[in-house]
């Protein structure tokens, strides 16, 4: 008869041949866990799948409910990039890249230094400062539309890149500072002190020791900042003109091949194209994202 070890937890059953078999108690919970994972994946991926299917479907069959591609055509992608119909989607893609990259770079550079200072220095009211930063990230953007519109009109910034980048930075910066502060707080400061004892200046210790260790957290925060800037719509729709409008605004003003008809299939094609950069970023940096999300979770 088989011997049950101490790490095996379950209910023993004796078969007809007299052999004792240990069945794990967690089999049911494992099945439920995987079932939940599958349902969550389906919940998140099915809308994207339907967007792709619709983007390849002929305009005449827009509302066809067949769950797989039918009446396949590439005309919707041609319509999305057709400047003859007033769809400046290609230019909007470039505008979104410029705005999102500039916002991410500036937000990360400023956020790294601010988060490092908040994590490293001890001063009175430190937690109030962190609370103020967190509160700023919750400030409603709709409350800023009118004052920013008036301000940028007065200084001649309306319909310019800076009119879209600066407000995006104001929303991204609290996220980067708060996230990186939590990450820097969990870092072993003894390594920096050792570098200082070996002759490094504070700047060299920060550049050669702290930044390499913080790379996973910085990459994770950069992805979040880029996604937030890429998806921004409210302020861009009011502060940006045709020359600088991002893809979110450009898609909302799409015109289709048929007058007085909403171009759903062209919008789905544009949405598929817009989603590709985000998917590429996640796939390229997935290991850094995972390590950044899990870093600091366990203290040695």
Protein backbone atom coordinates (compact mmCIF):
# COMPACT_ATOMS: atom_id res chain seq x y z
CA UNK A 1 0.00 0.00 0.00
CA UNK A 2 1.38 3.42 -0.96
CA UNK A 3 2.58 5.70 1.82
CA UNK A 4 1.12 9.18 2.03
CA UNK A 5 3.76 11.89 2.63
CA UNK A 6 3.18 14.86 4.90
CA UNK A 7 2.99 17.42 2.07
CA UNK A 8 0.18 15.55 0.30
CA UNK A 9 -3.16 16.80 1.49
CA UNK A 10 -6.29 15.06 0.35
CA UNK A 11 -8.66 12.18 0.82
CA UNK A 12 -7.34 8.63 0.47
CA UNK A 13 -9.34 6.09 -1.51
CA UNK A 14 -8.64 2.39 -1.87
CA UNK A 15 -9.11 0.95 -5.35
CA UNK A 16 -10.33 -2.56 -6.17
CA UNK A 17 -6.70 -3.74 -6.43
CA UNK A 18 -6.02 -2.60 -2.91
CA UNK A 19 -3.86 0.39 -3.85
CA UNK A 20 -4.39 3.55 -1.86
CA UNK A 21 -4.70 6.65 -4.02
CA UNK A 22 -4.54 10.16 -2.60
CA UNK A 23 -6.81 12.63 -4.34
CA UNK A 24 -5.88 16.29 -3.76
CA UNK A 25 -8.47 18.43 -2.07
CA UNK A 26 -7.56 21.38 -4.25
CA UNK A 27 -8.63 19.77 -7.52
CA UNK A 28 -12.00 21.50 -7.43
CA UNK A 29 -10.53 24.88 -6.53
CA UNK A 30 -7.98 24.52 -9.34
CA UNK A 31 -10.75 23.84 -11.84
CA UNK A 32 -12.69 26.85 -10.58
CA UNK A 33 -9.57 29.02 -10.83
CA UNK A 34 -8.86 28.07 -14.42
CA UNK A 35 -12.54 28.48 -15.29
CA UNK A 36 -12.45 31.98 -13.85
CA UNK A 37 -9.28 32.80 -15.82
CA UNK A 38 -10.89 31.60 -19.05
CA UNK A 39 -14.03 33.65 -18.40
CA UNK A 40 -11.99 36.78 -17.64
CA UNK A 41 -9.93 36.30 -20.83
CA UNK A 42 -13.09 35.86 -22.88
CA UNK A 43 -14.64 38.93 -21.27
CA UNK A 44 -11.60 41.02 -22.16
CA UNK A 45 -10.77 39.57 -25.59
CA UNK A 46 -14.18 39.00 -27.17
CA UNK A 47 -14.85 42.75 -27.76
CA UNK A 48 -11.45 43.06 -29.44
CA UNK A 49 -12.15 39.96 -31.53
CA UNK A 50 -15.51 41.35 -32.62
CA UNK A 51 -13.87 44.66 -33.52
CA UNK A 52 -11.43 42.82 -35.81
CA UNK A 53 -14.21 40.75 -37.39
CA UNK A 54 -16.31 43.85 -38.07
CA UNK A 55 -13.33 45.75 -39.47
CA UNK A 56 -13.00 43.20 -42.28
CA UNK A 57 -16.74 43.00 -43.01
CA UNK A 58 -18.41 44.65 -46.01
CA UNK A 59 -20.39 47.82 -45.21
CA UNK A 60 -23.59 46.22 -46.43
CA UNK A 61 -23.28 43.52 -43.77
CA UNK A 62 -22.31 45.77 -40.86
CA UNK A 63 -24.92 44.34 -38.50
CA UNK A 64 -24.38 40.70 -39.45
CA UNK A 65 -24.17 38.72 -36.22
CA UNK A 66 -22.15 35.82 -37.62
CA UNK A 67 -19.41 35.21 -35.02
CA UNK A 68 -16.67 34.58 -37.62
CA UNK A 69 -15.45 36.70 -40.55
CA UNK A 70 -17.88 36.86 -43.47
CA UNK A 71 -17.99 39.08 -46.59
CA UNK A 72 -14.34 39.91 -46.00
CA UNK A 73 -12.99 43.12 -47.53
CA UNK A 74 -10.16 45.61 -47.00
CA UNK A 75 -12.24 48.60 -48.05
CA UNK A 76 -12.78 49.65 -44.44
CA UNK A 77 -9.05 50.18 -43.91
CA UNK A 78 -8.91 52.14 -47.18
CA UNK A 79 -11.81 54.30 -45.99
CA UNK A 80 -10.07 54.94 -42.66
CA UNK A 81 -7.04 56.39 -44.45
CA UNK A 82 -9.04 58.10 -47.21
CA UNK A 83 -8.32 61.83 -47.10
CA UNK A 84 -10.85 62.33 -49.90
CA UNK A 85 -13.61 61.75 -47.33
CA UNK A 86 -11.95 64.03 -44.79
CA UNK A 87 -10.46 61.22 -42.68
CA UNK A 88 -6.95 62.35 -41.78
CA UNK A 89 -6.26 59.18 -39.84
CA UNK A 90 -2.61 58.81 -40.91
CA UNK A 91 -1.76 62.29 -39.67
CA UNK A 92 -3.72 61.64 -36.47
CA UNK A 93 -1.62 58.52 -35.80
CA UNK A 94 1.55 60.60 -36.04
CA UNK A 95 0.03 63.25 -33.75
CA UNK A 96 -0.89 60.62 -31.15
CA UNK A 97 2.63 59.18 -31.22
CA UNK A 98 4.18 62.63 -30.77
CA UNK A 99 1.83 63.55 -27.93
CA UNK A 100 2.03 60.20 -26.12
CA UNK A 101 5.84 59.87 -26.41
CA UNK A 102 6.47 63.46 -25.30
CA UNK A 103 4.05 63.10 -22.40
CA UNK A 104 5.58 59.80 -21.31
CA UNK A 105 9.20 60.98 -21.51
CA UNK A 106 8.59 64.22 -19.62
CA UNK A 107 6.32 62.54 -17.08
CA UNK A 108 8.82 59.74 -16.40
CA UNK A 109 11.85 62.05 -16.12
CA UNK A 110 10.13 64.41 -13.69
CA UNK A 111 8.37 61.56 -11.91
CA UNK A 112 11.58 59.59 -11.29
CA UNK A 113 13.31 62.51 -9.58
CA UNK A 114 10.22 63.52 -7.60
CA UNK A 115 9.51 59.93 -6.50
CA UNK A 116 13.15 59.39 -5.52
CA UNK A 117 13.12 62.51 -3.38
CA UNK A 118 9.84 61.56 -1.71
CA UNK A 119 11.07 58.03 -1.00
CA UNK A 120 14.57 58.97 0.13
CA UNK A 121 14.05 62.16 2.12
CA UNK A 122 12.30 62.46 5.44
CA UNK A 123 10.52 65.76 6.06
CA UNK A 124 7.47 67.05 7.87
CA UNK A 125 4.25 66.66 5.92
CA UNK A 126 5.64 64.01 3.57
CA UNK A 127 2.48 61.91 3.64
CA UNK A 128 0.35 64.99 3.07
CA UNK A 129 2.34 65.67 -0.08
CA UNK A 130 1.75 62.10 -1.28
CA UNK A 131 -1.94 62.46 -0.48
CA UNK A 132 -2.08 65.71 -2.44
CA UNK A 133 -0.43 64.02 -5.42
CA UNK A 134 -2.90 61.14 -5.26
CA UNK A 135 -5.79 63.58 -4.99
CA UNK A 136 -4.55 65.46 -8.07
CA UNK A 137 -4.81 62.27 -10.11
CA UNK A 138 -8.51 62.08 -9.23
CA UNK A 139 -9.28 65.64 -10.32
CA UNK A 140 -11.95 65.59 -13.06
CA UNK A 141 -10.63 66.66 -16.44
CA UNK A 142 -13.94 68.22 -17.47
CA UNK A 143 -13.38 70.94 -14.86
CA UNK A 144 -10.21 72.03 -16.67
CA UNK A 145 -11.64 72.35 -20.18
CA UNK A 146 -12.98 75.91 -19.89
CA UNK A 147 -10.03 77.51 -18.03
CA UNK A 148 -7.46 75.79 -20.24
CA UNK A 149 -9.35 76.79 -23.38
CA UNK A 150 -9.38 80.42 -22.26
CA UNK A 151 -5.73 80.35 -21.18
CA UNK A 152 -4.42 78.76 -24.36
CA UNK A 153 -6.53 81.10 -26.47
CA UNK A 154 -5.03 84.14 -24.72
CA UNK A 155 -1.42 82.98 -25.18
CA UNK A 156 -1.93 81.62 -28.69
CA UNK A 157 -1.41 77.95 -27.88
CA UNK A 158 -4.75 76.67 -29.10
CA UNK A 159 -4.46 73.97 -31.78
CA UNK A 160 -0.80 73.28 -30.94
CA UNK A 161 1.05 70.24 -29.61
CA UNK A 162 1.92 71.92 -26.32
CA UNK A 163 -1.76 72.58 -25.67
CA UNK A 164 -2.32 68.82 -25.66
CA UNK A 165 0.96 67.63 -24.12
CA UNK A 166 1.00 69.89 -21.05
CA UNK A 167 -2.50 68.91 -19.81
CA UNK A 168 -1.67 65.25 -20.42
CA UNK A 169 1.47 65.64 -18.30
CA UNK A 170 -0.62 67.09 -15.49
CA UNK A 171 -2.69 63.88 -15.46
CA UNK A 172 0.18 61.46 -16.01
CA UNK A 173 2.61 62.99 -13.50
CA UNK A 174 0.62 62.15 -10.33
CA UNK A 175 0.35 58.54 -11.54
CA UNK A 176 4.09 58.26 -12.19
CA UNK A 177 5.11 59.96 -8.95
CA UNK A 178 2.80 57.90 -6.76
CA UNK A 179 3.66 54.60 -8.44
CA UNK A 180 7.41 55.16 -8.47
CA UNK A 181 7.43 56.44 -4.88
CA UNK A 182 5.99 53.13 -3.71
CA UNK A 183 8.59 51.32 -5.82
CA UNK A 184 11.58 53.36 -4.61
CA UNK A 185 10.49 52.96 -0.98
CA UNK A 186 10.95 49.18 -1.23
CA UNK A 187 14.46 49.40 -2.69
CA UNK A 188 17.47 48.46 -0.51
CA UNK A 189 19.17 51.77 0.18
CA UNK A 190 22.24 49.94 1.50
CA UNK A 191 23.36 49.44 -2.10
CA UNK A 192 23.40 53.18 -2.68
CA UNK A 193 25.28 53.74 0.55
CA UNK A 194 27.82 51.11 -0.47
CA UNK A 195 28.33 52.88 -3.78
CA UNK A 196 28.86 56.16 -1.94
CA UNK A 197 31.45 54.51 0.29
CA UNK A 198 33.24 53.19 -2.80
CA UNK A 199 33.71 56.74 -4.05
CA UNK A 200 30.59 57.40 -6.15
CA UNK A 201 29.02 60.81 -6.04
CA UNK A 202 25.28 61.03 -5.27
CA UNK A 203 24.59 61.48 -8.98
CA UNK A 204 26.76 58.50 -9.96
CA UNK A 205 25.17 56.29 -7.31
CA UNK A 206 21.73 57.27 -8.56
CA UNK A 207 22.64 56.70 -12.21
CA UNK A 208 24.67 53.50 -11.85
CA UNK A 209 22.90 51.77 -8.96
CA UNK A 210 19.38 53.09 -8.40
CA UNK A 211 18.22 53.50 -12.00
CA UNK A 212 19.20 49.97 -13.12
CA UNK A 213 17.38 48.51 -10.13
CA UNK A 214 14.36 50.71 -10.80
CA UNK A 215 14.17 49.83 -14.51
CA UNK A 216 11.26 47.33 -14.15
CA UNK A 217 9.15 49.83 -12.23
CA UNK A 218 10.02 52.65 -14.63
CA UNK A 219 9.07 50.56 -17.65
CA UNK A 220 5.77 49.57 -16.06
CA UNK A 221 4.95 53.16 -15.19
CA UNK A 222 5.97 54.32 -18.67
CA UNK A 223 3.54 51.85 -20.26
CA UNK A 224 0.73 53.12 -18.03
CA UNK A 225 1.59 56.75 -18.82
CA UNK A 226 1.78 56.09 -22.56
CA UNK A 227 -1.58 54.31 -22.52
CA UNK A 228 -3.22 57.15 -20.60
CA UNK A 229 -1.87 59.78 -23.02
CA UNK A 230 -2.73 57.65 -26.06
CA UNK A 231 -6.36 57.23 -24.96
CA UNK A 232 -7.05 60.84 -23.89
CA UNK A 233 -10.07 62.32 -25.65
CA UNK A 234 -11.85 65.04 -23.67
CA UNK A 235 -9.20 67.77 -23.64
CA UNK A 236 -7.89 66.86 -27.09
CA UNK A 237 -11.35 67.31 -28.60
CA UNK A 238 -11.57 70.87 -27.25
CA UNK A 239 -7.98 72.13 -27.37
CA UNK A 240 -6.70 70.52 -30.57
CA UNK A 241 -7.53 71.41 -34.17
CA UNK A 242 -7.36 69.37 -37.35
CA UNK A 243 -3.57 69.61 -37.61
CA UNK A 244 -2.78 68.23 -34.14
CA UNK A 245 -5.82 66.11 -33.28
CA UNK A 246 -4.98 62.59 -32.01
CA UNK A 247 -6.56 59.37 -33.22
CA UNK A 248 -9.22 59.36 -30.50
CA UNK A 249 -10.67 62.61 -31.87
CA UNK A 250 -10.07 61.67 -35.51
CA UNK A 251 -12.04 58.42 -35.18
CA UNK A 252 -14.96 60.25 -33.56
CA UNK A 253 -15.24 62.50 -36.61
CA UNK A 254 -14.99 59.77 -39.24
CA UNK A 255 -17.02 60.05 -42.44
CA UNK A 256 -18.07 56.93 -44.31
CA UNK A 257 -18.64 56.07 -47.94
CA UNK A 258 -22.39 56.57 -47.59
CA UNK A 259 -23.75 60.01 -46.60
CA UNK A 260 -25.80 60.25 -43.39
CA UNK A 261 -24.57 56.80 -42.35
CA UNK A 262 -22.35 56.08 -39.39
CA UNK A 263 -19.19 54.32 -40.68
CA UNK A 264 -19.10 51.57 -38.08
CA UNK A 265 -16.87 49.25 -40.10
CA UNK A 266 -14.33 52.01 -40.81
CA UNK A 267 -14.34 52.97 -37.13
CA UNK A 268 -13.66 49.33 -36.22
CA UNK A 269 -10.79 49.23 -38.71
CA UNK A 270 -9.30 52.40 -37.21
CA UNK A 271 -9.79 51.02 -33.70
CA UNK A 272 -7.91 47.86 -34.67
CA UNK A 273 -5.00 49.93 -35.99
CA UNK A 274 -4.95 52.13 -32.88
CA UNK A 275 -4.84 49.10 -30.59
CA UNK A 276 -1.83 47.55 -32.34
CA UNK A 277 0.84 49.89 -30.79
CA UNK A 278 -0.42 49.11 -27.29
CA UNK A 279 -0.34 45.37 -27.95
CA UNK A 280 3.19 45.64 -29.37
CA UNK A 281 4.37 47.57 -26.32
CA UNK A 282 2.92 45.00 -23.94
CA UNK A 283 4.39 42.05 -25.89
CA UNK A 284 7.85 43.63 -26.17
CA UNK A 285 8.06 44.68 -22.53
CA UNK A 286 5.89 42.00 -20.93
CA UNK A 287 8.70 40.61 -18.77
CA UNK A 288 9.64 44.05 -17.48
CA UNK A 289 5.98 44.85 -16.83
CA UNK A 290 5.46 41.68 -14.80
CA UNK A 291 8.68 42.17 -12.83
CA UNK A 292 7.76 45.79 -12.23
CA UNK A 293 4.30 44.92 -10.98
CA UNK A 294 5.64 42.24 -8.64
CA UNK A 295 8.75 44.11 -7.46
CA UNK A 296 8.61 45.11 -3.83
CA UNK A 297 5.89 42.60 -3.10
CA UNK A 298 8.24 40.48 -0.98
CA UNK A 299 10.82 41.99 1.31
CA UNK A 300 13.92 40.01 2.17
